[in-house]
């Protein structure tokens, strides 16, 4: 519980015309699981689950944002665009392009 509380405290939010508690940050919560077989100690299964919360894309005109909140919105949009480029590159690579 302490980790989640710490993450929540570090989460940046700001009010805009479109959202009263607009997330200004991305966050990733990862859970690692190690399952052991009691009958056969040589058998193990490892898994990792990542939950991702991305700050939302915003249209500058609709938010009414100014100053730091406006800069944050521009940076959020830029980072989401970069993430889209990475995902597209991975898909193209997987498809042999």
C-alpha atoms as a PDB file:
ATOM      1  CA  UNK A   1       0.000   0.000   0.000  1.00  0.00           C
ATOM      2  CA  UNK A   2       2.865   2.398   0.743  1.00  0.00           C
ATOM      3  CA  UNK A   3       4.148   2.144  -2.838  1.00  0.00           C
ATOM      4  CA  UNK A   4       0.751   3.064  -4.265  1.00  0.00           C
ATOM      5  CA  UNK A   5       0.399   5.971  -1.833  1.00  0.00           C
ATOM      6  CA  UNK A   6       3.864   7.204  -2.785  1.00  0.00           C
ATOM      7  CA  UNK A   7       3.004   6.975  -6.478  1.00  0.00           C
ATOM      8  CA  UNK A   8      -0.248   8.854  -5.960  1.00  0.00           C
ATOM      9  CA  UNK A   9       1.564  11.631  -4.072  1.00  0.00           C
ATOM     10  CA  UNK A  10       4.067  11.992  -6.929  1.00  0.00           C
ATOM     11  CA  UNK A  11       1.348  12.073  -9.605  1.00  0.00           C
ATOM     12  CA  UNK A  12       0.955  15.497 -11.185  1.00  0.00           C
ATOM     13  CA  UNK A  13      -2.552  16.816 -11.909  1.00  0.00           C
ATOM     14  CA  UNK A  14      -3.871  20.181 -13.004  1.00  0.00           C
ATOM     15  CA  UNK A  15      -7.299  21.618 -13.704  1.00  0.00           C
ATOM     16  CA  UNK A  16      -8.283  22.515 -17.280  1.00  0.00           C
ATOM     17  CA  UNK A  17     -11.580  23.439 -18.934  1.00  0.00           C
ATOM     18  CA  UNK A  18     -11.820  19.867 -20.233  1.00  0.00           C
ATOM     19  CA  UNK A  19     -10.896  18.009 -17.038  1.00  0.00           C
ATOM     20  CA  UNK A  20     -10.879  19.189 -13.425  1.00  0.00           C
ATOM     21  CA  UNK A  21      -8.158  16.701 -12.466  1.00  0.00           C
ATOM     22  CA  UNK A  22      -6.184  16.302 -15.675  1.00  0.00           C
ATOM     23  CA  UNK A  23      -3.243  13.930 -15.308  1.00  0.00           C
ATOM     24  CA  UNK A  24      -0.001  15.686 -16.194  1.00  0.00           C
ATOM     25  CA  UNK A  25       2.196  12.619 -15.899  1.00  0.00           C
ATOM     26  CA  UNK A  26       2.536   9.077 -17.136  1.00  0.00           C
ATOM     27  CA  UNK A  27       2.855   6.206 -14.683  1.00  0.00           C
ATOM     28  CA  UNK A  28       3.747   2.534 -14.870  1.00  0.00           C
ATOM     29  CA  UNK A  29       2.880  -0.025 -12.223  1.00  0.00           C
ATOM     30  CA  UNK A  30       4.663  -3.362 -12.667  1.00  0.00           C
ATOM     31  CA  UNK A  31       3.872  -6.601 -10.867  1.00  0.00           C
ATOM     32  CA  UNK A  32       6.324  -9.493 -11.013  1.00  0.00           C
ATOM     33  CA  UNK A  33       5.066 -12.972 -10.182  1.00  0.00           C
ATOM     34  CA  UNK A  34       7.168 -16.055  -9.473  1.00  0.00           C
ATOM     35  CA  UNK A  35       5.213 -19.297  -9.209  1.00  0.00           C
ATOM     36  CA  UNK A  36       7.041 -22.330  -7.819  1.00  0.00           C
ATOM     37  CA  UNK A  37       5.941 -25.948  -8.141  1.00  0.00           C
ATOM     38  CA  UNK A  38       5.950 -27.536  -4.667  1.00  0.00           C
ATOM     39  CA  UNK A  39       6.199 -31.033  -6.133  1.00  0.00           C
ATOM     40  CA  UNK A  40       9.032 -30.272  -8.558  1.00  0.00           C
ATOM     41  CA  UNK A  41      11.440 -27.498  -7.484  1.00  0.00           C
ATOM     42  CA  UNK A  42      12.957 -27.403 -10.996  1.00  0.00           C
ATOM     43  CA  UNK A  43       9.688 -26.036 -12.372  1.00  0.00           C
ATOM     44  CA  UNK A  44       9.050 -22.309 -12.088  1.00  0.00           C
ATOM     45  CA  UNK A  45       6.978 -19.781 -13.957  1.00  0.00           C
ATOM     46  CA  UNK A  46       7.832 -16.099 -14.087  1.00  0.00           C
ATOM     47  CA  UNK A  47       5.482 -13.377 -15.291  1.00  0.00           C
ATOM     48  CA  UNK A  48       5.446  -9.597 -15.380  1.00  0.00           C
ATOM     49  CA  UNK A  49       2.306  -7.490 -15.655  1.00  0.00           C
ATOM     50  CA  UNK A  50       2.671  -3.800 -16.435  1.00  0.00           C
ATOM     51  CA  UNK A  51      -0.223  -1.402 -15.989  1.00  0.00           C
ATOM     52  CA  UNK A  52       0.301   1.883 -17.811  1.00  0.00           C
ATOM     53  CA  UNK A  53      -1.569   5.131 -17.230  1.00  0.00           C
ATOM     54  CA  UNK A  54      -0.788   7.695 -19.899  1.00  0.00           C
ATOM     55  CA  UNK A  55      -1.610  11.350 -19.497  1.00  0.00           C
ATOM     56  CA  UNK A  56      -4.279  12.218 -22.033  1.00  0.00           C
ATOM     57  CA  UNK A  57      -3.763  14.082 -25.258  1.00  0.00           C
ATOM     58  CA  UNK A  58      -5.277  17.561 -25.225  1.00  0.00           C
ATOM     59  CA  UNK A  59      -6.274  20.128 -27.791  1.00  0.00           C
ATOM     60  CA  UNK A  60      -4.802  23.437 -26.733  1.00  0.00           C
ATOM     61  CA  UNK A  61      -7.880  25.527 -27.582  1.00  0.00           C
ATOM     62  CA  UNK A  62     -10.319  23.420 -25.586  1.00  0.00           C
ATOM     63  CA  UNK A  63      -8.352  23.300 -22.346  1.00  0.00           C
ATOM     64  CA  UNK A  64      -8.028  27.015 -21.632  1.00  0.00           C
ATOM     65  CA  UNK A  65      -4.609  26.154 -20.215  1.00  0.00           C
ATOM     66  CA  UNK A  66      -1.969  28.832 -19.784  1.00  0.00           C
ATOM     67  CA  UNK A  67       1.566  29.034 -18.401  1.00  0.00           C
ATOM     68  CA  UNK A  68       3.016  25.862 -16.912  1.00  0.00           C
ATOM     69  CA  UNK A  69      -0.149  23.826 -17.557  1.00  0.00           C
ATOM     70  CA  UNK A  70       0.005  24.780 -21.251  1.00  0.00           C
ATOM     71  CA  UNK A  71       3.679  23.718 -21.426  1.00  0.00           C
ATOM     72  CA  UNK A  72       2.849  20.431 -19.721  1.00  0.00           C
ATOM     73  CA  UNK A  73       0.090  19.788 -22.270  1.00  0.00           C
ATOM     74  CA  UNK A  74       2.510  20.394 -25.143  1.00  0.00           C
ATOM     75  CA  UNK A  75       5.039  18.005 -23.572  1.00  0.00           C
ATOM     76  CA  UNK A  76       2.359  15.383 -22.974  1.00  0.00           C
ATOM     77  CA  UNK A  77       1.299  15.556 -26.621  1.00  0.00           C
ATOM     78  CA  UNK A  78       4.934  15.362 -27.752  1.00  0.00           C
ATOM     79  CA  UNK A  79       5.623  12.298 -25.593  1.00  0.00           C
ATOM     80  CA  UNK A  80       2.452  10.542 -26.786  1.00  0.00           C
ATOM     81  CA  UNK A  81       3.474  11.228 -30.379  1.00  0.00           C
ATOM     82  CA  UNK A  82       6.927   9.750 -29.711  1.00  0.00           C
ATOM     83  CA  UNK A  83       5.328   6.684 -28.121  1.00  0.00           C
ATOM     84  CA  UNK A  84       3.128   6.279 -31.207  1.00  0.00           C
ATOM     85  CA  UNK A  85       6.236   6.408 -33.408  1.00  0.00           C
ATOM     86  CA  UNK A  86       7.913   3.695 -31.317  1.00  0.00           C
ATOM     87  CA  UNK A  87       4.837   1.455 -31.466  1.00  0.00           C
ATOM     88  CA  UNK A  88       4.573   1.910 -35.244  1.00  0.00           C
ATOM     89  CA  UNK A  89       8.264   1.079 -35.674  1.00  0.00           C
ATOM     90  CA  UNK A  90       7.857  -2.079 -33.575  1.00  0.00           C
ATOM     91  CA  UNK A  91       4.830  -3.182 -35.604  1.00  0.00           C
ATOM     92  CA  UNK A  92       6.661  -2.574 -38.883  1.00  0.00           C
ATOM     93  CA  UNK A  93       9.684  -4.477 -37.599  1.00  0.00           C
ATOM     94  CA  UNK A  94       7.500  -7.392 -36.501  1.00  0.00           C
ATOM     95  CA  UNK A  95       5.872  -7.421 -39.946  1.00  0.00           C
ATOM     96  CA  UNK A  96       9.267  -7.498 -41.685  1.00  0.00           C
ATOM     97  CA  UNK A  97       9.053  -3.974 -43.154  1.00  0.00           C
END
